[in-house]
Amino acid sequence: MNETLQIIVRGTVQGVYFRQSAKEQALALGIKGTVKNSADGSVNIVASGDHSHLQRLIDWCCKGPRQASVTDVHVEKIPFVQFEDFTIIKEKS
């Protein structure tokens, strides 16, 4: 059964290829959604997919890419969102 989660990752997670690595992990797991940097220094992921695949993404978020230092991962189930793909949302200049 598909569901949607909002995952907020805190720590040293910006400037370490976290968004790109999260996208690669999500696509490998068949998860669709978005990832973006937040103004407070965290990374915000909204992901839709199978519960077991989402759990694997959460497990990955707890470590992140090699350069990251994750201190907290907050997960919240939100109403289901149908995404076409998994995309990185970049800040507007």
PDB file of N, CA and C in Angstrom:
ATOM      1  N   MET A   1       0.833  -1.184   0.000  1.00  0.00           N
ATOM      2  CA  MET A   1       0.000   0.000   0.000  1.00  0.00           C
ATOM      3  C   MET A   1       0.881   1.252   0.000  1.00  0.00           C
ATOM      4  N   ASN A   2       0.580   2.165  -0.876  1.00  0.00           N
ATOM      5  CA  ASN A   2       1.374   3.390  -0.984  1.00  0.00           C
ATOM      6  C   ASN A   2       0.939   4.427   0.034  1.00  0.00           C
ATOM      7  N   GLU A   3       1.927   5.188   0.484  1.00  0.00           N
ATOM      8  CA  GLU A   3       1.684   6.266   1.422  1.00  0.00           C
ATOM      9  C   GLU A   3       2.674   7.386   1.142  1.00  0.00           C
ATOM     10  N   THR A   4       2.447   8.539   1.788  1.00  0.00           N
ATOM     11  CA  THR A   4       3.339   9.687   1.625  1.00  0.00           C
ATOM     12  C   THR A   4       3.868  10.102   2.987  1.00  0.00           C
ATOM     13  N   LEU A   5       5.175  10.332   3.031  1.00  0.00           N
ATOM     14  CA  LEU A   5       5.835  10.775   4.253  1.00  0.00           C
ATOM     15  C   LEU A   5       6.570  12.076   4.015  1.00  0.00           C
ATOM     16  N   GLN A   6       6.590  12.920   5.044  1.00  0.00           N
ATOM     17  CA  GLN A   6       7.475  14.077   5.044  1.00  0.00           C
ATOM     18  C   GLN A   6       8.627  13.703   5.966  1.00  0.00           C
ATOM     19  N   ILE A   7       9.851  13.825   5.448  1.00  0.00           N
ATOM     20  CA  ILE A   7      11.049  13.465   6.194  1.00  0.00           C
ATOM     21  C   ILE A   7      11.916  14.714   6.294  1.00  0.00           C
ATOM     22  N   ILE A   8      12.194  15.139   7.519  1.00  0.00           N
ATOM     23  CA  ILE A   8      13.055  16.299   7.734  1.00  0.00           C
ATOM     24  C   ILE A   8      14.355  15.802   8.353  1.00  0.00           C
ATOM     25  N   VAL A   9      15.464  16.097   7.672  1.00  0.00           N
ATOM     26  CA  VAL A   9      16.773  15.616   8.100  1.00  0.00           C
ATOM     27  C   VAL A   9      17.601  16.811   8.550  1.00  0.00           C
ATOM     28  N   ARG A  10      18.151  16.717   9.772  1.00  0.00           N
ATOM     29  CA  ARG A  10      18.952  17.809  10.328  1.00  0.00           C
ATOM     30  C   ARG A  10      20.379  17.335  10.577  1.00  0.00           C
ATOM     31  N   GLY A  11      21.267  18.317  10.633  1.00  0.00           N
ATOM     32  CA  GLY A  11      22.684  18.059  10.856  1.00  0.00           C
ATOM     33  C   GLY A  11      23.474  18.775   9.780  1.00  0.00           C
ATOM     34  N   THR A  12      24.634  18.236   9.445  1.00  0.00           N
ATOM     35  CA  THR A  12      25.400  18.761   8.313  1.00  0.00           C
ATOM     36  C   THR A  12      24.880  18.044   7.077  1.00  0.00           C
ATOM     37  N   VAL A  13      23.833  18.626   6.480  1.00  0.00           N
ATOM     38  CA  VAL A  13      23.141  17.952   5.382  1.00  0.00           C
ATOM     39  C   VAL A  13      22.996  18.829   4.139  1.00  0.00           C
ATOM     40  N   GLN A  14      23.484  20.058   4.207  1.00  0.00           N
ATOM     41  CA  GLN A  14      23.492  20.911   3.018  1.00  0.00           C
ATOM     42  C   GLN A  14      24.939  21.097   2.567  1.00  0.00           C
ATOM     43  N   GLY A  15      25.142  21.123   1.252  1.00  0.00           N
ATOM     44  CA  GLY A  15      26.481  21.278   0.709  1.00  0.00           C
ATOM     45  C   GLY A  15      27.278  19.988   0.711  1.00  0.00           C
ATOM     46  N   VAL A  16      26.596  18.847   0.922  1.00  0.00           N
ATOM     47  CA  VAL A  16      27.283  17.553   0.963  1.00  0.00           C
ATOM     48  C   VAL A  16      26.630  16.551  -0.004  1.00  0.00           C
ATOM     49  N   TYR A  17      25.937  17.055  -1.010  1.00  0.00           N
ATOM     50  CA  TYR A  17      25.262  16.244  -2.029  1.00  0.00           C
ATOM     51  C   TYR A  17      24.140  15.391  -1.454  1.00  0.00           C
ATOM     52  N   PHE A  18      23.534  15.870  -0.355  1.00  0.00           N
ATOM     53  CA  PHE A  18      22.456  15.100   0.264  1.00  0.00           C
ATOM     54  C   PHE A  18      21.256  14.989  -0.667  1.00  0.00           C
ATOM     55  N   ARG A  19      20.858  16.098  -1.284  1.00  0.00           N
ATOM     56  CA  ARG A  19      19.670  16.060  -2.154  1.00  0.00           C
ATOM     57  C   ARG A  19      19.866  15.114  -3.328  1.00  0.00           C
ATOM     58  N   GLN A  20      21.017  15.217  -3.997  1.00  0.00           N
ATOM     59  CA  GLN A  20      21.270  14.346  -5.147  1.00  0.00           C
ATOM     60  C   GLN A  20      21.343  12.883  -4.725  1.00  0.00           C
ATOM     61  N   SER A  21      22.001  12.621  -3.608  1.00  0.00           N
ATOM     62  CA  SER A  21      22.099  11.246  -3.115  1.00  0.00           C
ATOM     63  C   SER A  21      20.731  10.708  -2.705  1.00  0.00           C
ATOM     64  N   ALA A  22      19.904  11.563  -2.089  1.00  0.00           N
ATOM     65  CA  ALA A  22      18.555  11.144  -1.704  1.00  0.00           C
ATOM     66  C   ALA A  22      17.726  10.811  -2.947  1.00  0.00           C
ATOM     67  N   LYS A  23      17.886  11.614  -3.984  1.00  0.00           N
ATOM     68  CA  LYS A  23      17.173  11.346  -5.239  1.00  0.00           C
ATOM     69  C   LYS A  23      17.592   9.998  -5.806  1.00  0.00           C
ATOM     70  N   GLU A  24      18.883   9.714  -5.823  1.00  0.00           N
ATOM     71  CA  GLU A  24      19.375   8.437  -6.348  1.00  0.00           C
ATOM     72  C   GLU A  24      18.830   7.265  -5.543  1.00  0.00           C
ATOM     73  N   GLN A  25      18.813   7.404  -4.214  1.00  0.00           N
ATOM     74  CA  GLN A  25      18.272   6.346  -3.353  1.00  0.00           C
ATOM     75  C   GLN A  25      16.789   6.144  -3.630  1.00  0.00           C
ATOM     76  N   ALA A  26      16.046   7.244  -3.700  1.00  0.00           N
ATOM     77  CA  ALA A  26      14.603   7.157  -3.927  1.00  0.00           C
ATOM     78  C   ALA A  26      14.300   6.478  -5.262  1.00  0.00           C
ATOM     79  N   LEU A  27      14.986   6.886  -6.305  1.00  0.00           N
ATOM     80  CA  LEU A  27      14.735   6.294  -7.617  1.00  0.00           C
ATOM     81  C   LEU A  27      15.071   4.806  -7.624  1.00  0.00           C
ATOM     82  N   ALA A  28      16.144   4.421  -6.942  1.00  0.00           N
ATOM     83  CA  ALA A  28      16.518   3.008  -6.863  1.00  0.00           C
ATOM     84  C   ALA A  28      15.448   2.193  -6.134  1.00  0.00           C
ATOM     85  N   LEU A  29      14.718   2.843  -5.224  1.00  0.00           N
ATOM     86  CA  LEU A  29      13.676   2.170  -4.450  1.00  0.00           C
ATOM     87  C   LEU A  29      12.288   2.302  -5.075  1.00  0.00           C
ATOM     88  N   GLY A  30      12.176   3.024  -6.182  1.00  0.00           N
ATOM     89  CA  GLY A  30      10.877   3.220  -6.826  1.00  0.00           C
ATOM     90  C   GLY A  30      10.007   4.238  -6.114  1.00  0.00           C
ATOM     91  N   ILE A  31      10.636   5.143  -5.371  1.00  0.00           N
ATOM     92  CA  ILE A  31       9.921   6.170  -4.627  1.00  0.00           C
ATOM     93  C   ILE A  31       9.866   7.448  -5.457  1.00  0.00           C
ATOM     94  N   LYS A  32       8.736   8.122  -5.382  1.00  0.00           N
ATOM     95  CA  LYS A  32       8.567   9.395  -6.087  1.00  0.00           C
ATOM     96  C   LYS A  32       8.326  10.497  -5.077  1.00  0.00           C
ATOM     97  N   GLY A  33       8.710  11.735  -5.438  1.00  0.00           N
ATOM     98  CA  GLY A  33       8.500  12.841  -4.525  1.00  0.00           C
ATOM     99  C   GLY A  33       9.427  13.998  -4.819  1.00  0.00           C
ATOM    100  N   THR A  34       9.789  14.735  -3.746  1.00  0.00           N
ATOM    101  CA  THR A  34      10.652  15.903  -3.894  1.00  0.00           C
ATOM    102  C   THR A  34      11.636  15.962  -2.727  1.00  0.00           C
ATOM    103  N   VAL A  35      12.734  16.685  -2.959  1.00  0.00           N
ATOM    104  CA  VAL A  35      13.708  16.964  -1.905  1.00  0.00           C
ATOM    105  C   VAL A  35      14.178  18.397  -2.085  1.00  0.00           C
ATOM    106  N   LYS A  36      14.322  19.117  -0.961  1.00  0.00           N
ATOM    107  CA  LYS A  36      14.787  20.502  -1.048  1.00  0.00           C
ATOM    108  C   LYS A  36      15.517  20.878   0.229  1.00  0.00           C
ATOM    109  N   ASN A  37      16.399  21.863   0.102  1.00  0.00           N
ATOM    110  CA  ASN A  37      17.037  22.465   1.266  1.00  0.00           C
ATOM    111  C   ASN A  37      16.054  23.425   1.899  1.00  0.00           C
ATOM    112  N   SER A  38      16.064  23.505   3.224  1.00  0.00           N
ATOM    113  CA  SER A  38      15.232  24.463   3.943  1.00  0.00           C
ATOM    114  C   SER A  38      16.112  25.567   4.509  1.00  0.00           C
ATOM    115  N   ALA A  39      15.511  26.720   4.763  1.00  0.00           N
ATOM    116  CA  ALA A  39      16.252  27.883   5.251  1.00  0.00           C
ATOM    117  C   ALA A  39      16.930  27.631   6.594  1.00  0.00           C
ATOM    118  N   ASP A  40      16.392  26.704   7.388  1.00  0.00           N
ATOM    119  CA  ASP A  40      16.974  26.427   8.707  1.00  0.00           C
ATOM    120  C   ASP A  40      18.161  25.465   8.657  1.00  0.00           C
ATOM    121  N   GLY A  41      18.588  25.082   7.438  1.00  0.00           N
ATOM    122  CA  GLY A  41      19.744  24.204   7.286  1.00  0.00           C
ATOM    123  C   GLY A  41      19.403  22.731   7.174  1.00  0.00           C
ATOM    124  N   SER A  42      18.120  22.401   7.292  1.00  0.00           N
ATOM    125  CA  SER A  42      17.705  21.002   7.166  1.00  0.00           C
ATOM    126  C   SER A  42      17.407  20.675   5.701  1.00  0.00           C
ATOM    127  N   VAL A  43      17.161  19.390   5.442  1.00  0.00           N
ATOM    128  CA  VAL A  43      16.707  18.930   4.135  1.00  0.00           C
ATOM    129  C   VAL A  43      15.312  18.358   4.327  1.00  0.00           C
ATOM    130  N   ASN A  44      14.390  18.747   3.442  1.00  0.00           N
ATOM    131  CA  ASN A  44      12.996  18.340   3.523  1.00  0.00           C
ATOM    132  C   ASN A  44      12.676  17.427   2.347  1.00  0.00           C
ATOM    133  N   ILE A  45      12.220  16.224   2.663  1.00  0.00           N
ATOM    134  CA  ILE A  45      11.847  15.242   1.641  1.00  0.00           C
ATOM    135  C   ILE A  45      10.362  14.945   1.787  1.00  0.00           C
ATOM    136  N   VAL A  46       9.639  14.946   0.680  1.00  0.00           N
ATOM    137  CA  VAL A  46       8.266  14.451   0.643  1.00  0.00           C
ATOM    138  C   VAL A  46       8.298  13.273  -0.315  1.00  0.00           C
ATOM    139  N   ALA A  47       7.968  12.091   0.201  1.00  0.00           N
ATOM    140  CA  ALA A  47       8.165  10.862  -0.576  1.00  0.00           C
ATOM    141  C   ALA A  47       6.921   9.996  -0.550  1.00  0.00           C
ATOM    142  N   SER A  48       6.552   9.479  -1.725  1.00  0.00           N
ATOM    143  CA  SER A  48       5.408   8.579  -1.855  1.00  0.00           C
ATOM    144  C   SER A  48       5.883   7.241  -2.397  1.00  0.00           C
ATOM    145  N   GLY A  49       5.388   6.180  -1.781  1.00  0.00           N
ATOM    146  CA  GLY A  49       5.750   4.849  -2.251  1.00  0.00           C
ATOM    147  C   GLY A  49       5.282   3.790  -1.282  1.00  0.00           C
ATOM    148  N   ASP A  50       5.745   2.589  -1.527  1.00  0.00           N
ATOM    149  CA  ASP A  50       5.441   1.437  -0.699  1.00  0.00           C
ATOM    150  C   ASP A  50       6.069   1.608   0.689  1.00  0.00           C
ATOM    151  N   HIS A  51       5.351   1.199   1.727  1.00  0.00           N
ATOM    152  CA  HIS A  51       5.810   1.379   3.107  1.00  0.00           C
ATOM    153  C   HIS A  51       7.219   0.818   3.334  1.00  0.00           C
ATOM    154  N   SER A  52       7.482  -0.383   2.855  1.00  0.00           N
ATOM    155  CA  SER A  52       8.797  -0.994   3.094  1.00  0.00           C
ATOM    156  C   SER A  52       9.907  -0.232   2.373  1.00  0.00           C
ATOM    157  N   HIS A  53       9.633   0.284   1.191  1.00  0.00           N
ATOM    158  CA  HIS A  53      10.631   1.072   0.465  1.00  0.00           C
ATOM    159  C   HIS A  53      10.855   2.420   1.149  1.00  0.00           C
ATOM    160  N   LEU A  54       9.784   3.027   1.648  1.00  0.00           N
ATOM    161  CA  LEU A  54       9.929   4.286   2.384  1.00  0.00           C
ATOM    162  C   LEU A  54      10.764   4.078   3.644  1.00  0.00           C
ATOM    163  N   GLN A  55      10.576   2.947   4.309  1.00  0.00           N
ATOM    164  CA  GLN A  55      11.367   2.664   5.506  1.00  0.00           C
ATOM    165  C   GLN A  55      12.854   2.542   5.151  1.00  0.00           C
ATOM    166  N   ARG A  56      13.145   1.952   4.018  1.00  0.00           N
ATOM    167  CA  ARG A  56      14.550   1.857   3.573  1.00  0.00           C
ATOM    168  C   ARG A  56      15.120   3.240   3.281  1.00  0.00           C
ATOM    169  N   LEU A  57      14.296   4.146   2.731  1.00  0.00           N
ATOM    170  CA  LEU A  57      14.750   5.517   2.497  1.00  0.00           C
ATOM    171  C   LEU A  57      15.004   6.223   3.835  1.00  0.00           C
ATOM    172  N   ILE A  58      14.134   6.025   4.793  1.00  0.00           N
ATOM    173  CA  ILE A  58      14.335   6.614   6.122  1.00  0.00           C
ATOM    174  C   ILE A  58      15.636   6.102   6.730  1.00  0.00           C
ATOM    175  N   ASP A  59      15.862   4.806   6.640  1.00  0.00           N
ATOM    176  CA  ASP A  59      17.100   4.221   7.167  1.00  0.00           C
ATOM    177  C   ASP A  59      18.311   4.872   6.514  1.00  0.00           C
ATOM    178  N   TRP A  60      18.243   5.093   5.196  1.00  0.00           N
ATOM    179  CA  TRP A  60      19.347   5.751   4.492  1.00  0.00           C
ATOM    180  C   TRP A  60      19.504   7.187   4.981  1.00  0.00           C
ATOM    181  N   CYS A  61      18.389   7.895   5.184  1.00  0.00           N
ATOM    182  CA  CYS A  61      18.440   9.290   5.642  1.00  0.00           C
ATOM    183  C   CYS A  61      19.135   9.416   6.994  1.00  0.00           C
ATOM    184  N   CYS A  62      19.057   8.398   7.810  1.00  0.00           N
ATOM    185  CA  CYS A  62      19.704   8.437   9.126  1.00  0.00           C
ATOM    186  C   CYS A  62      21.223   8.488   9.004  1.00  0.00           C
ATOM    187  N   LYS A  63      21.747   8.094   7.858  1.00  0.00           N
ATOM    188  CA  LYS A  63      23.192   8.140   7.609  1.00  0.00           C
ATOM    189  C   LYS A  63      23.530   9.198   6.566  1.00  0.00           C
ATOM    190  N   GLY A  64      22.768   9.192   5.462  1.00  0.00           N
ATOM    191  CA  GLY A  64      23.026  10.130   4.370  1.00  0.00           C
ATOM    192  C   GLY A  64      24.279   9.757   3.608  1.00  0.00           C
ATOM    193  N   PRO A  65      24.713  10.641   2.707  1.00  0.00           N
ATOM    194  CA  PRO A  65      25.945  10.386   1.961  1.00  0.00           C
ATOM    195  C   PRO A  65      27.157  10.498   2.895  1.00  0.00           C
ATOM    196  N   ARG A  66      28.274  10.036   2.427  1.00  0.00           N
ATOM    197  CA  ARG A  66      29.492   9.949   3.238  1.00  0.00           C
ATOM    198  C   ARG A  66      29.866  11.274   3.899  1.00  0.00           C
ATOM    199  N   GLN A  67      29.680  12.390   3.209  1.00  0.00           N
ATOM    200  CA  GLN A  67      30.090  13.697   3.722  1.00  0.00           C
ATOM    201  C   GLN A  67      29.134  14.259   4.773  1.00  0.00           C
ATOM    202  N   ALA A  68      27.938  13.704   4.874  1.00  0.00           N
ATOM    203  CA  ALA A  68      26.909  14.232   5.786  1.00  0.00           C
ATOM    204  C   ALA A  68      27.154  13.776   7.220  1.00  0.00           C
ATOM    205  N   SER A  69      26.610  14.560   8.132  1.00  0.00           N
ATOM    206  CA  SER A  69      26.591  14.188   9.552  1.00  0.00           C
ATOM    207  C   SER A  69      25.168  14.440  10.049  1.00  0.00           C
ATOM    208  N   VAL A  70      24.359  13.393  10.065  1.00  0.00           N
ATOM    209  CA  VAL A  70      22.946  13.502  10.410  1.00  0.00           C
ATOM    210  C   VAL A  70      22.784  13.453  11.928  1.00  0.00           C
ATOM    211  N   THR A  71      22.056  14.437  12.469  1.00  0.00           N
ATOM    212  CA  THR A  71      21.817  14.470  13.914  1.00  0.00           C
ATOM    213  C   THR A  71      20.372  14.145  14.276  1.00  0.00           C
ATOM    214  N   ASP A  72      19.432  14.307  13.323  1.00  0.00           N
ATOM    215  CA  ASP A  72      18.026  14.059  13.626  1.00  0.00           C
ATOM    216  C   ASP A  72      17.257  13.800  12.338  1.00  0.00           C
ATOM    217  N   VAL A  73      16.347  12.846  12.390  1.00  0.00           N
ATOM    218  CA  VAL A  73      15.439  12.577  11.272  1.00  0.00           C
ATOM    219  C   VAL A  73      14.022  12.539  11.842  1.00  0.00           C
ATOM    220  N   HIS A  74      13.187  13.462  11.384  1.00  0.00           N
ATOM    221  CA  HIS A  74      11.792  13.528  11.816  1.00  0.00           C
ATOM    222  C   HIS A  74      10.917  13.043  10.665  1.00  0.00           C
ATOM    223  N   VAL A  75      10.045  12.082  10.955  1.00  0.00           N
ATOM    224  CA  VAL A  75       9.182  11.504   9.921  1.00  0.00           C
ATOM    225  C   VAL A  75       7.731  11.712  10.324  1.00  0.00           C
ATOM    226  N   GLU A  76       6.936  12.174   9.361  1.00  0.00           N
ATOM    227  CA  GLU A  76       5.508  12.388   9.604  1.00  0.00           C
ATOM    228  C   GLU A  76       4.718  11.878   8.409  1.00  0.00           C
ATOM    229  N   LYS A  77       3.694  11.078   8.668  1.00  0.00           N
ATOM    230  CA  LYS A  77       2.810  10.623   7.594  1.00  0.00           C
ATOM    231  C   LYS A  77       1.871  11.769   7.260  1.00  0.00           C
ATOM    232  N   ILE A  78       1.750  12.074   5.969  1.00  0.00           N
ATOM    233  CA  ILE A  78       0.873  13.142   5.500  1.00  0.00           C
ATOM    234  C   ILE A  78      -0.098  12.556   4.469  1.00  0.00           C
ATOM    235  N   PRO A  79      -1.143  13.300   4.098  1.00  0.00           N
ATOM    236  CA  PRO A  79      -2.070  12.785   3.078  1.00  0.00           C
ATOM    237  C   PRO A  79      -1.321  12.397   1.799  1.00  0.00           C
ATOM    238  N   PHE A  80      -1.787  11.331   1.160  1.00  0.00           N
ATOM    239  CA  PHE A  80      -1.119  10.794  -0.027  1.00  0.00           C
ATOM    240  C   PHE A  80      -1.024  11.837  -1.141  1.00  0.00           C
ATOM    241  N   VAL A  81       0.157  11.914  -1.739  1.00  0.00           N
ATOM    242  CA  VAL A  81       0.410  12.799  -2.878  1.00  0.00           C
ATOM    243  C   VAL A  81       0.926  11.931  -4.022  1.00  0.00           C
ATOM    244  N   GLN A  82       0.331  12.085  -5.198  1.00  0.00           N
ATOM    245  CA  GLN A  82       0.763  11.347  -6.393  1.00  0.00           C
ATOM    246  C   GLN A  82       1.803  12.180  -7.132  1.00  0.00           C
ATOM    247  N   PHE A  83       3.036  11.700  -7.197  1.00  0.00           N
ATOM    248  CA  PHE A  83       4.107  12.380  -7.919  1.00  0.00           C
ATOM    249  C   PHE A  83       4.397  11.644  -9.217  1.00  0.00           C
ATOM    250  N   GLU A  84       4.906  12.381 -10.199  1.00  0.00           N
ATOM    251  CA  GLU A  84       5.286  11.785 -11.483  1.00  0.00           C
ATOM    252  C   GLU A  84       6.699  11.208 -11.436  1.00  0.00           C
ATOM    253  N   ASP A  85       7.560  11.808 -10.603  1.00  0.00           N
ATOM    254  CA  ASP A  85       8.978  11.456 -10.575  1.00  0.00           C
ATOM    255  C   ASP A  85       9.527  11.851  -9.208  1.00  0.00           C
ATOM    256  N   PHE A  86      10.828  11.780  -9.038  1.00  0.00           N
ATOM    257  CA  PHE A  86      11.465  12.299  -7.836  1.00  0.00           C
ATOM    258  C   PHE A  86      12.344  13.455  -8.266  1.00  0.00           C
ATOM    259  N   THR A  87      12.072  14.644  -7.760  1.00  0.00           N
ATOM    260  CA  THR A  87      12.774  15.833  -8.237  1.00  0.00           C
ATOM    261  C   THR A  87      13.422  16.611  -7.094  1.00  0.00           C
ATOM    262  N   ILE A  88      14.508  17.282  -7.449  1.00  0.00           N
ATOM    263  CA  ILE A  88      15.189  18.199  -6.531  1.00  0.00           C
ATOM    264  C   ILE A  88      14.607  19.574  -6.763  1.00  0.00           C
ATOM    265  N   ILE A  89      14.123  20.194  -5.692  1.00  0.00           N
ATOM    266  CA  ILE A  89      13.629  21.565  -5.780  1.00  0.00           C
ATOM    267  C   ILE A  89      14.784  22.481  -5.389  1.00  0.00           C
ATOM    268  N   LYS A  90      15.175  23.327  -6.310  1.00  0.00           N
ATOM    269  CA  LYS A  90      16.288  24.256  -6.051  1.00  0.00           C
ATOM    270  C   LYS A  90      15.730  25.594  -5.622  1.00  0.00           C
ATOM    271  N   GLU A  91      16.479  26.267  -4.762  1.00  0.00           N
ATOM    272  CA  GLU A  91      16.068  27.586  -4.319  1.00  0.00           C
ATOM    273  C   GLU A  91      16.083  28.559  -5.494  1.00  0.00           C
ATOM    274  N   LYS A  92      15.217  29.526  -5.430  1.00  0.00           N
ATOM    275  CA  LYS A  92      15.183  30.552  -6.463  1.00  0.00           C
ATOM    276  C   LYS A  92      16.187  31.636  -6.113  1.00  0.00           C
ATOM    277  N   SER A  93      16.953  32.086  -7.108  1.00  0.00           N
ATOM    278  CA  SER A  93      17.970  33.120  -6.864  1.00  0.00           C
ATOM    279  C   SER A  93      17.358  34.493  -6.907  1.00  0.00           C
TER     280      SER A  93
END
